[in-house]
């Protein structure tokens, strides 16, 4: 957990925000959160290839329909 000190009476708001951001970066909370957002379950190579082929075919079909003016 990040320890955040309180604002002093004469301290500017910008300094408090800068101090908070520095502590958050040093603690590594943000990097772990971003890493968990990008996590994907392990999938075999063949499954990834099949999905890529399907995406490519769908995109080509969509582009062909768009060129013809069909929705």
C-alpha atoms as a PDB file:
ATOM      1  CA  UNK A   1       0.000   0.000   0.000  1.00  0.00           C
ATOM      2  CA  UNK A   2       1.167   3.498  -0.766  1.00  0.00           C
ATOM      3  CA  UNK A   3       1.945   5.784   2.134  1.00  0.00           C
ATOM      4  CA  UNK A   4       0.834   9.326   1.440  1.00  0.00           C
ATOM      5  CA  UNK A   5       1.711  12.141   3.796  1.00  0.00           C
ATOM      6  CA  UNK A   6      -0.743  14.917   4.408  1.00  0.00           C
ATOM      7  CA  UNK A   7      -0.514  18.391   2.957  1.00  0.00           C
ATOM      8  CA  UNK A   8       1.387  20.964   4.961  1.00  0.00           C
ATOM      9  CA  UNK A   9      -0.287  24.312   5.590  1.00  0.00           C
ATOM     10  CA  UNK A  10       1.996  26.272   3.274  1.00  0.00           C
ATOM     11  CA  UNK A  11       2.498  23.567   0.643  1.00  0.00           C
ATOM     12  CA  UNK A  12       1.089  24.131  -2.852  1.00  0.00           C
ATOM     13  CA  UNK A  13      -1.409  21.689  -4.338  1.00  0.00           C
ATOM     14  CA  UNK A  14       0.908  20.980  -7.271  1.00  0.00           C
ATOM     15  CA  UNK A  15       3.631  19.822  -4.895  1.00  0.00           C
ATOM     16  CA  UNK A  16       1.253  17.449  -3.129  1.00  0.00           C
ATOM     17  CA  UNK A  17       0.128  15.965  -6.454  1.00  0.00           C
ATOM     18  CA  UNK A  18       3.736  15.621  -7.631  1.00  0.00           C
ATOM     19  CA  UNK A  19       4.712  13.914  -4.363  1.00  0.00           C
ATOM     20  CA  UNK A  20       1.732  11.552  -4.581  1.00  0.00           C
ATOM     21  CA  UNK A  21       2.526  10.628  -8.203  1.00  0.00           C
ATOM     22  CA  UNK A  22       6.150   9.934  -7.318  1.00  0.00           C
ATOM     23  CA  UNK A  23       5.176   7.641  -4.445  1.00  0.00           C
ATOM     24  CA  UNK A  24       2.682   5.760  -6.612  1.00  0.00           C
ATOM     25  CA  UNK A  25       5.308   5.224  -9.313  1.00  0.00           C
ATOM     26  CA  UNK A  26       7.913   4.084  -6.785  1.00  0.00           C
ATOM     27  CA  UNK A  27       5.526   1.626  -5.161  1.00  0.00           C
ATOM     28  CA  UNK A  28       4.819  -0.160  -8.468  1.00  0.00           C
ATOM     29  CA  UNK A  29       1.045  -0.241  -7.992  1.00  0.00           C
ATOM     30  CA  UNK A  30       0.376   1.222 -11.427  1.00  0.00           C
ATOM     31  CA  UNK A  31       2.666  -1.174 -13.275  1.00  0.00           C
ATOM     32  CA  UNK A  32       1.079  -4.233 -11.652  1.00  0.00           C
ATOM     33  CA  UNK A  33      -2.410  -2.950 -12.446  1.00  0.00           C
ATOM     34  CA  UNK A  34      -1.511  -2.346 -16.091  1.00  0.00           C
ATOM     35  CA  UNK A  35       0.147  -5.758 -16.348  1.00  0.00           C
ATOM     36  CA  UNK A  36      -2.977  -7.470 -15.035  1.00  0.00           C
ATOM     37  CA  UNK A  37      -5.096  -5.597 -17.594  1.00  0.00           C
ATOM     38  CA  UNK A  38      -3.003  -6.969 -20.459  1.00  0.00           C
ATOM     39  CA  UNK A  39      -2.892 -10.546 -19.185  1.00  0.00           C
ATOM     40  CA  UNK A  40      -4.115 -13.148 -21.639  1.00  0.00           C
ATOM     41  CA  UNK A  41      -4.643 -16.807 -20.986  1.00  0.00           C
ATOM     42  CA  UNK A  42      -2.063 -18.980 -22.716  1.00  0.00           C
ATOM     43  CA  UNK A  43      -3.343 -20.232 -26.062  1.00  0.00           C
ATOM     44  CA  UNK A  44      -1.660 -22.701 -28.357  1.00  0.00           C
ATOM     45  CA  UNK A  45      -0.031 -21.564 -31.588  1.00  0.00           C
ATOM     46  CA  UNK A  46      -2.574 -23.365 -33.756  1.00  0.00           C
ATOM     47  CA  UNK A  47      -5.498 -21.668 -32.029  1.00  0.00           C
ATOM     48  CA  UNK A  48      -3.876 -18.254 -32.414  1.00  0.00           C
ATOM     49  CA  UNK A  49      -3.247 -18.929 -36.104  1.00  0.00           C
ATOM     50  CA  UNK A  50      -6.844 -20.064 -36.666  1.00  0.00           C
ATOM     51  CA  UNK A  51      -8.172 -16.931 -34.985  1.00  0.00           C
ATOM     52  CA  UNK A  52      -5.839 -14.729 -37.035  1.00  0.00           C
ATOM     53  CA  UNK A  53      -6.977 -16.388 -40.264  1.00  0.00           C
ATOM     54  CA  UNK A  54     -10.639 -15.857 -39.309  1.00  0.00           C
ATOM     55  CA  UNK A  55      -9.990 -12.188 -38.508  1.00  0.00           C
ATOM     56  CA  UNK A  56      -8.233 -11.706 -41.832  1.00  0.00           C
ATOM     57  CA  UNK A  57     -11.078 -13.380 -43.768  1.00  0.00           C
ATOM     58  CA  UNK A  58     -13.747 -11.338 -41.973  1.00  0.00           C
ATOM     59  CA  UNK A  59     -11.866  -8.113 -42.630  1.00  0.00           C
ATOM     60  CA  UNK A  60     -11.437  -8.971 -46.324  1.00  0.00           C
ATOM     61  CA  UNK A  61     -15.145  -9.818 -46.586  1.00  0.00           C
ATOM     62  CA  UNK A  62     -16.096  -6.571 -44.885  1.00  0.00           C
ATOM     63  CA  UNK A  63     -13.848  -4.539 -47.187  1.00  0.00           C
ATOM     64  CA  UNK A  64     -15.248  -6.286 -50.262  1.00  0.00           C
ATOM     65  CA  UNK A  65     -18.820  -5.522 -49.192  1.00  0.00           C
ATOM     66  CA  UNK A  66     -17.867  -1.925 -48.464  1.00  0.00           C
ATOM     67  CA  UNK A  67     -16.392  -1.556 -51.964  1.00  0.00           C
ATOM     68  CA  UNK A  68     -19.599  -2.914 -53.489  1.00  0.00           C
ATOM     69  CA  UNK A  69     -21.743  -0.631 -51.348  1.00  0.00           C
ATOM     70  CA  UNK A  70     -23.478  -3.526 -49.619  1.00  0.00           C
ATOM     71  CA  UNK A  71     -23.875  -3.505 -45.891  1.00  0.00           C
END
